[in-house]
Amino acid sequence: MLLRPGLIGMSAGAPLLLGLELAGPWMFLLMALTGFAVAYGLMRLNNIVRNVALFIACAGIVWLVPAVSAAATSVQPKALFWSGLGIIVRVVIAWNLAKQDVVDAFHQRA
C-alpha cells in the first residue's frame, strides 16, 4: 500500500483497524509495528508488555460490545457471530495472560 497506492484496497485491513483504515496506509503500518512489538515482547517474557497486551485485549472487548449489541438488536447473525467471536478470542487472551502461572513465568524472567 505504501509503495503502490491503489494496488490493495484500504478496506482489506478494515476488520483489524476498527475504523482507523480511513487514516491511510500509515496507520495500518503503525498498528502492524505495534502488534509486532507486543508479540516480540511477549516472546521475551517482558512483564510490562504482558500488561500492555492485557490492556489491548480488554480495550478490544470494550470496543466490540456496541457491535454485538447492534447486531443483536437488528438481527444480523453474521455480524453477531463475528463480533461475538472477536469478544471470545479477546477474553481467552486476557484470561490466559492473567493466569497466575503465566504471571509467575513473566516475573521469574525479570
Protein backbone atom coordinates (compact mmCIF):
# COMPACT_ATOMS: atom_id res chain seq x y z
CA MET A 1 0.00 0.00 0.00
CA LEU A 2 2.83 2.38 0.73
CA LEU A 3 4.84 1.63 -2.41
CA ARG A 4 1.98 1.32 -4.91
CA PRO A 5 -1.14 3.18 -3.73
CA GLY A 6 -4.33 1.67 -5.04
CA LEU A 7 -2.90 -1.82 -5.60
CA ILE A 8 -4.56 -3.16 -2.46
CA GLY A 9 -7.78 -1.60 -1.24
CA MET A 10 -7.78 0.14 2.12
CA SER A 11 -10.74 -1.98 3.16
CA ALA A 12 -8.53 -5.10 3.17
CA GLY A 13 -7.37 -4.37 6.72
CA ALA A 14 -10.59 -2.77 7.95
CA PRO A 15 -11.57 -5.54 10.39
CA LEU A 16 -8.21 -5.22 12.11
CA LEU A 17 -8.14 -1.43 12.41
CA LEU A 18 -11.61 -0.69 13.83
CA GLY A 19 -12.17 2.32 11.58
CA LEU A 20 -8.58 3.58 11.55
CA GLU A 21 -8.20 2.50 7.90
CA LEU A 22 -9.50 5.93 6.99
CA ALA A 23 -6.17 7.35 8.20
CA GLY A 24 -4.41 5.66 5.29
CA PRO A 25 -1.65 3.08 4.99
CA TRP A 26 0.49 4.80 7.63
CA MET A 27 -1.99 3.87 10.36
CA PHE A 28 -2.01 0.29 9.11
CA LEU A 29 1.79 0.27 9.25
CA LEU A 30 1.77 1.79 12.75
CA MET A 31 -0.69 -0.85 14.00
CA ALA A 32 1.35 -3.63 12.38
CA LEU A 33 4.53 -2.38 14.08
CA THR A 34 2.69 -2.13 17.41
CA GLY A 35 1.45 -5.70 17.04
CA PHE A 36 4.94 -6.89 16.17
CA ALA A 37 6.43 -5.09 19.18
CA VAL A 38 3.85 -6.62 21.53
CA ALA A 39 4.42 -10.10 20.06
CA TYR A 40 8.20 -9.73 20.39
CA GLY A 41 7.88 -8.51 23.98
CA LEU A 42 5.61 -11.43 24.88
CA MET A 43 8.09 -13.90 23.38
CA ARG A 44 10.83 -12.28 25.51
CA LEU A 45 8.56 -12.63 28.60
CA ASN A 46 8.56 -8.90 29.29
CA ASN A 47 6.06 -8.23 32.11
CA ILE A 48 5.32 -4.65 31.02
CA VAL A 49 4.42 -5.89 27.54
CA ARG A 50 2.19 -8.56 29.13
CA ASN A 51 0.29 -5.78 30.88
CA VAL A 52 0.08 -3.79 27.63
CA ALA A 53 -1.25 -6.87 25.81
CA LEU A 54 -3.78 -7.42 28.59
CA PHE A 55 -4.91 -3.79 28.25
CA ILE A 56 -5.18 -4.10 24.46
CA ALA A 57 -7.30 -7.26 24.80
CA CYS A 58 -9.61 -5.61 27.34
CA ALA A 59 -9.91 -2.48 25.20
CA GLY A 60 -10.83 -4.67 22.24
CA ILE A 61 -13.58 -6.29 24.29
CA VAL A 62 -15.00 -2.89 25.21
CA TRP A 63 -14.84 -1.68 21.59
CA LEU A 64 -16.71 -4.76 20.33
CA VAL A 65 -19.63 -4.54 22.77
CA PRO A 66 -21.51 -1.92 20.68
CA ALA A 67 -21.05 -4.04 17.54
CA VAL A 68 -22.51 -7.09 19.28
CA SER A 69 -25.37 -5.04 20.67
CA ALA A 70 -26.17 -3.52 17.27
CA ALA A 71 -26.00 -6.90 15.54
CA ALA A 72 -28.26 -8.46 18.17
CA THR A 73 -30.91 -5.75 18.03
CA SER A 74 -31.01 -5.61 14.22
CA VAL A 75 -30.91 -9.43 13.90
CA GLN A 76 -27.75 -9.77 11.81
CA PRO A 77 -26.50 -13.32 12.53
CA LYS A 78 -23.26 -13.00 10.54
CA ALA A 79 -22.23 -9.73 12.22
CA LEU A 80 -23.26 -11.12 15.61
CA PHE A 81 -21.18 -14.24 15.03
CA TRP A 82 -18.01 -12.39 14.01
CA SER A 83 -18.30 -9.70 16.70
CA GLY A 84 -19.08 -12.32 19.32
CA LEU A 85 -16.14 -14.42 18.17
CA GLY A 86 -13.89 -11.36 18.45
CA ILE A 87 -15.00 -10.87 22.05
CA ILE A 88 -14.49 -14.57 22.85
CA VAL A 89 -10.96 -14.57 21.41
CA ARG A 90 -10.04 -11.43 23.36
CA VAL A 91 -11.48 -12.85 26.59
CA VAL A 92 -9.44 -16.04 26.13
CA ILE A 93 -6.28 -13.99 25.51
CA ALA A 94 -6.90 -11.76 28.55
CA TRP A 95 -7.75 -14.74 30.76
CA ASN A 96 -4.59 -16.59 29.76
CA LEU A 97 -2.40 -13.51 30.28
CA ALA A 98 -3.90 -13.01 33.76
CA LYS A 99 -3.49 -16.62 34.98
CA GLN A 100 -1.19 -16.99 37.95
CA ASP A 101 1.24 -19.43 36.31
CA VAL A 102 1.68 -17.04 33.37
CA VAL A 103 2.20 -14.10 35.73
CA ASP A 104 4.80 -16.16 37.64
CA ALA A 105 6.61 -17.06 34.39
CA PHE A 106 6.83 -13.38 33.45
CA HIS A 107 8.01 -12.38 36.93
CA GLN A 108 10.53 -15.20 37.02
CA ARG A 109 12.10 -13.92 33.81
CA ALA A 110 12.61 -10.48 35.35
